[in-house]
Amino acid sequence: MRHSLALFLLLTLTACSSTLPDSAKNIPVEEMYSEAKKHLDEQSYEEAIKQFEALQSRYPYGRYAQQAQLEIAYAYYKQTEPEPAIAAADRFIKQYPNNPHVDYAYYLKGLANFNADIGLFGFAFGEDPTERDPKASQDSFAAFKDLVMRFPASKYAADSRLRMQYLLNSLAKYEIHVARYYLRRGAHVAAVNRAKEIFSLYPNTPSARDALMILVQGYDALGLKQLRDDAQRVLDKNFPPPAGTEKGSSE
């Protein structure tokens, strides 16, 4: 049994070694990294990923293996493949939480999700806003928030804060579109509830004005005159309408 186990392990190690490219079996880790980085710089992302993965298989420990993991995440991000980019960044964060570049892994997670939904819900293409999932934007915000909270002095923190504000505004706008969708279909309670969520989830965003206008319309349609008038007073106080503009329109 002992000899059989030893033979099995030997065959397993031999099989793993045989999966490496021939060029990766006999060269130093520095050269492997340099070659992979060259492909990355030349925007040959698929080849770069293969070479970085080969490096990790051949030299699974040390700073080159750690850096290769981060480069893999970046290469997937540049190839506009958010899911593997995020997965690679997550592996880096879990395996190397004390690495001096772990802040960049959080940043890459945010960027990958940010770019995945940068066309923001397809409003310009006439898509029904309720058919779009804002999860990518929510995940992007969470990654940037992690970076800012954990590494406030990071060189990526300032850009992350700007993107967080953009995402907040965008997510609030998404809620406005959903609330308007409910208004158009006569689902006034749902429209009111969706508009009210903006004040708790996304305060101080430009969508606050539209949310108040939806409240005015929704309460009016429901016959809740006092609530309608209260919402109108708040709207008039904070967002005085231009001269000649009709009050209470959410469009």
Protein backbone atom coordinates (compact mmCIF):
# COMPACT_ATOMS: atom_id res chain seq x y z
CA MET A 1 0.00 0.00 0.00
CA ARG A 2 2.82 2.40 0.88
CA HIS A 3 4.57 1.75 -2.44
CA SER A 4 1.29 2.20 -4.33
CA LEU A 5 0.67 5.54 -2.62
CA ALA A 6 4.19 6.72 -3.42
CA LEU A 7 3.72 5.72 -7.06
CA PHE A 8 0.39 7.53 -7.20
CA LEU A 9 1.91 10.73 -5.83
CA LEU A 10 4.80 10.50 -8.26
CA LEU A 11 2.46 10.06 -11.20
CA THR A 12 0.29 12.96 -9.99
CA LEU A 13 3.26 15.31 -9.71
CA THR A 14 4.52 14.21 -13.11
CA ALA A 15 1.11 14.84 -14.65
CA CYS A 16 0.91 18.32 -13.11
CA SER A 17 4.36 19.13 -14.39
CA SER A 18 3.47 17.96 -17.88
CA THR A 19 0.61 20.47 -18.08
CA LEU A 20 3.07 23.35 -17.95
CA PRO A 21 4.21 24.82 -21.27
CA ASP A 22 7.64 23.55 -22.28
CA SER A 23 8.98 27.09 -22.11
CA ALA A 24 7.90 27.36 -18.48
CA LYS A 25 9.69 24.27 -17.16
CA ASN A 26 13.30 25.32 -17.26
CA ILE A 27 13.47 29.08 -16.94
CA PRO A 28 13.84 31.17 -13.78
CA VAL A 29 10.80 32.81 -12.24
CA GLU A 30 12.12 36.28 -13.05
CA GLU A 31 12.25 35.47 -16.75
CA MET A 32 8.80 33.89 -16.69
CA TYR A 33 7.37 36.98 -15.06
CA SER A 34 9.16 39.30 -17.48
CA GLU A 35 7.85 37.39 -20.48
CA ALA A 36 4.29 37.37 -19.16
CA LYS A 37 4.49 41.07 -18.34
CA LYS A 38 5.68 41.75 -21.87
CA HIS A 39 2.53 40.13 -23.26
CA LEU A 40 0.46 42.14 -20.83
CA ASP A 41 2.09 45.41 -21.89
CA GLU A 42 1.51 44.47 -25.53
CA GLN A 43 -2.19 43.93 -24.73
CA SER A 44 -1.95 40.23 -25.53
CA TYR A 45 -4.10 39.55 -22.51
CA GLU A 46 -5.03 35.95 -23.19
CA GLU A 47 -1.40 34.94 -23.64
CA ALA A 48 -0.40 36.96 -20.58
CA ILE A 49 -2.98 35.12 -18.49
CA LYS A 50 -1.65 31.75 -19.67
CA GLN A 51 1.91 32.73 -18.85
CA PHE A 52 1.07 34.11 -15.42
CA GLU A 53 -0.88 30.94 -14.62
CA ALA A 54 2.08 28.85 -15.77
CA LEU A 55 4.32 30.87 -13.47
CA GLN A 56 2.01 30.20 -10.54
CA SER A 57 2.02 26.48 -11.30
CA ARG A 58 5.80 26.34 -11.57
CA TYR A 59 6.56 28.72 -8.69
CA PRO A 60 3.49 28.75 -6.40
CA TYR A 61 5.15 30.70 -3.59
CA GLY A 62 6.85 34.06 -3.27
CA ARG A 63 6.31 37.58 -4.49
CA TYR A 64 6.23 36.67 -8.18
CA ALA A 65 3.35 34.27 -7.64
CA GLN A 66 1.49 36.93 -5.69
CA GLN A 67 2.07 39.58 -8.33
CA ALA A 68 1.05 37.13 -11.06
CA GLN A 69 -2.33 36.69 -9.37
CA LEU A 70 -2.88 40.44 -9.40
CA GLU A 71 -1.78 40.69 -13.04
CA ILE A 72 -4.25 37.95 -13.97
CA ALA A 73 -7.07 39.97 -12.43
CA TYR A 74 -5.92 43.05 -14.36
CA ALA A 75 -5.66 41.14 -17.65
CA TYR A 76 -9.20 39.81 -17.32
CA TYR A 77 -10.40 43.32 -16.50
CA LYS A 78 -8.73 44.70 -19.63
CA GLN A 79 -10.32 41.92 -21.68
CA THR A 80 -13.72 43.12 -20.41
CA GLU A 81 -14.33 39.86 -18.58
CA PRO A 82 -15.63 41.10 -15.23
CA GLU A 83 -16.48 37.78 -13.62
CA PRO A 84 -13.02 36.15 -13.88
CA ALA A 85 -11.41 39.51 -13.07
CA ILE A 86 -13.41 39.77 -9.86
CA ALA A 87 -12.76 36.12 -8.99
CA ALA A 88 -9.01 36.61 -9.47
CA ALA A 89 -9.03 39.78 -7.36
CA ASP A 90 -11.00 37.99 -4.63
CA ARG A 91 -8.45 35.16 -4.58
CA PHE A 92 -5.66 37.68 -4.20
CA ILE A 93 -7.46 39.41 -1.30
CA LYS A 94 -8.11 36.12 0.50
CA GLN A 95 -4.67 34.63 -0.06
CA TYR A 96 -2.57 37.75 0.47
CA PRO A 97 -4.48 40.13 2.77
CA ASN A 98 -1.24 41.73 3.96
CA ASN A 99 0.24 42.30 0.53
CA PRO A 100 1.16 45.98 0.04
CA HIS A 101 -0.86 46.02 -3.19
CA VAL A 102 -4.06 44.52 -1.80
CA ASP A 103 -5.74 47.92 -2.09
CA TYR A 104 -5.35 47.64 -5.84
CA ALA A 105 -7.19 44.29 -5.78
CA TYR A 106 -10.20 46.03 -4.18
CA TYR A 107 -9.89 48.78 -6.78
CA LEU A 108 -9.89 46.25 -9.62
CA LYS A 109 -13.03 44.61 -8.19
CA GLY A 110 -14.74 47.97 -8.21
CA LEU A 111 -13.60 48.79 -11.73
CA ALA A 112 -14.64 45.42 -13.14
CA ASN A 113 -18.19 45.81 -11.85
CA PHE A 114 -18.25 49.51 -12.69
CA ASN A 115 -17.44 48.88 -16.33
CA ALA A 116 -19.84 45.95 -16.46
CA ASP A 117 -22.73 48.36 -16.00
CA ILE A 118 -21.26 51.64 -17.25
CA GLY A 119 -23.99 51.95 -19.87
CA LEU A 120 -26.20 52.37 -16.81
CA PHE A 121 -29.24 50.22 -17.19
CA GLY A 122 -29.67 50.86 -20.91
CA PHE A 123 -32.03 53.81 -20.47
CA ALA A 124 -30.79 55.36 -23.71
CA PHE A 125 -31.82 52.23 -25.61
CA GLY A 126 -35.40 52.20 -24.43
CA GLU A 127 -35.08 49.17 -22.17
CA ASP A 128 -37.67 48.67 -19.44
CA PRO A 129 -35.79 49.74 -16.30
CA THR A 130 -37.41 47.03 -14.20
CA GLU A 131 -35.76 44.42 -16.40
CA ARG A 132 -32.26 45.57 -15.47
CA ASP A 133 -30.41 44.31 -12.42
CA PRO A 134 -28.42 46.99 -10.56
CA LYS A 135 -26.32 44.34 -8.79
CA ALA A 136 -23.13 45.16 -10.70
CA SER A 137 -23.34 48.80 -9.62
CA GLN A 138 -24.11 47.79 -6.04
CA ASP A 139 -21.16 45.39 -5.99
CA SER A 140 -18.92 48.03 -7.52
CA PHE A 141 -19.92 50.50 -4.82
CA ALA A 142 -19.25 47.90 -2.12
CA ALA A 143 -15.74 47.21 -3.46
CA PHE A 144 -14.85 50.89 -3.65
CA LYS A 145 -16.28 51.41 -0.18
CA ASP A 146 -14.13 48.57 1.17
CA LEU A 147 -11.07 50.18 -0.34
CA VAL A 148 -11.84 53.63 1.08
CA MET A 149 -12.68 52.27 4.54
CA ARG A 150 -9.70 49.92 4.79
CA PHE A 151 -7.13 52.05 2.98
CA PRO A 152 -8.15 55.72 3.24
CA ALA A 153 -4.63 56.84 2.30
CA SER A 154 -4.45 54.62 -0.80
CA LYS A 155 -3.60 56.34 -4.05
CA TYR A 156 -6.79 54.78 -5.43
CA ALA A 157 -9.03 56.19 -2.69
CA ALA A 158 -9.75 59.57 -4.29
CA ASP A 159 -10.87 58.04 -7.59
CA SER A 160 -12.88 55.44 -5.69
CA ARG A 161 -14.78 58.16 -3.83
CA LEU A 162 -15.66 59.88 -7.10
CA ARG A 163 -16.91 56.62 -8.58
CA MET A 164 -18.91 55.90 -5.43
CA GLN A 165 -20.74 59.21 -5.80
CA TYR A 166 -21.43 58.49 -9.45
CA LEU A 167 -22.79 55.07 -8.52
CA LEU A 168 -25.01 56.51 -5.79
CA ASN A 169 -26.47 59.00 -8.24
CA SER A 170 -26.96 56.29 -10.83
CA LEU A 171 -28.62 53.86 -8.44
CA ALA A 172 -30.94 56.62 -7.24
CA LYS A 173 -31.80 57.39 -10.86
CA TYR A 174 -32.60 53.73 -11.41
CA GLU A 175 -35.07 53.86 -8.50
CA ILE A 176 -36.68 56.94 -10.08
CA HIS A 177 -37.18 55.12 -13.36
CA VAL A 178 -38.74 52.18 -11.55
CA ALA A 179 -41.04 54.48 -9.55
CA ARG A 180 -42.14 56.21 -12.77
CA TYR A 181 -42.76 52.81 -14.32
CA TYR A 182 -45.16 52.05 -11.45
CA LEU A 183 -46.85 55.45 -11.82
CA ARG A 184 -47.51 54.86 -15.50
CA ARG A 185 -49.17 51.56 -14.68
CA GLY A 186 -51.29 52.91 -11.86
CA ALA A 187 -49.37 51.11 -9.12
CA HIS A 188 -49.33 54.23 -6.98
CA VAL A 189 -48.51 52.59 -3.64
CA ALA A 190 -45.50 50.86 -5.18
CA ALA A 191 -44.42 54.14 -6.78
CA VAL A 192 -44.65 56.01 -3.48
CA ASN A 193 -42.73 53.31 -1.61
CA ARG A 194 -40.00 53.24 -4.25
CA ALA A 195 -39.64 57.02 -4.16
CA LYS A 196 -39.47 57.05 -0.36
CA GLU A 197 -36.61 54.55 -0.44
CA ILE A 198 -34.44 57.09 -2.22
CA PHE A 199 -34.36 59.30 0.86
CA SER A 200 -33.11 56.45 3.05
CA LEU A 201 -30.84 54.66 0.59
CA TYR A 202 -29.52 57.53 -1.54
CA PRO A 203 -29.88 60.82 0.36
CA ASN A 204 -28.38 64.02 -1.02
CA THR A 205 -28.46 62.84 -4.63
CA PRO A 206 -29.93 64.85 -7.53
CA SER A 207 -32.80 62.36 -7.70
CA ALA A 208 -34.31 63.73 -4.47
CA ARG A 209 -36.24 66.31 -6.47
CA ASP A 210 -37.74 63.68 -8.77
CA ALA A 211 -38.58 61.49 -5.78
CA LEU A 212 -40.56 64.31 -4.19
CA MET A 213 -42.41 64.94 -7.43
CA ILE A 214 -43.35 61.27 -7.60
CA LEU A 215 -44.59 61.43 -4.02
CA VAL A 216 -46.81 64.39 -4.91
CA GLN A 217 -48.29 62.53 -7.88
CA GLY A 218 -48.62 59.22 -6.05
CA TYR A 219 -50.29 60.67 -2.96
CA ASP A 220 -52.61 62.73 -5.14
CA ALA A 221 -53.68 59.65 -7.10
CA LEU A 222 -54.29 57.79 -3.82
CA GLY A 223 -56.41 60.63 -2.48
CA LEU A 224 -53.98 61.32 0.38
CA LYS A 225 -54.30 65.10 0.20
CA GLN A 226 -52.41 65.94 3.40
CA LEU A 227 -49.42 63.81 2.46
CA ARG A 228 -49.53 65.26 -1.04
CA ASP A 229 -49.50 68.81 0.31
CA ASP A 230 -46.66 68.00 2.73
CA ALA A 231 -44.54 66.57 -0.08
CA GLN A 232 -45.34 69.59 -2.25
CA ARG A 233 -44.24 72.00 0.49
CA VAL A 234 -40.93 70.17 0.90
CA LEU A 235 -40.49 70.18 -2.87
CA ASP A 236 -41.22 73.92 -3.18
CA LYS A 237 -38.92 74.79 -0.29
CA ASN A 238 -35.93 72.79 -1.51
CA PHE A 239 -36.45 72.95 -5.28
CA PRO A 240 -38.37 76.10 -6.21
CA PRO A 241 -39.84 75.63 -9.69
CA PRO A 242 -38.77 78.03 -12.45
CA ALA A 243 -41.27 80.73 -13.28
CA GLY A 244 -44.06 79.42 -15.50
CA THR A 245 -43.39 75.77 -14.67
CA GLU A 246 -46.28 73.58 -13.54
CA LYS A 247 -45.80 71.99 -10.14
CA GLY A 248 -45.82 68.28 -9.44
CA SER A 249 -44.72 66.93 -12.81
CA SER A 250 -42.24 64.03 -12.50
CA GLU A 251 -41.39 63.91 -16.20
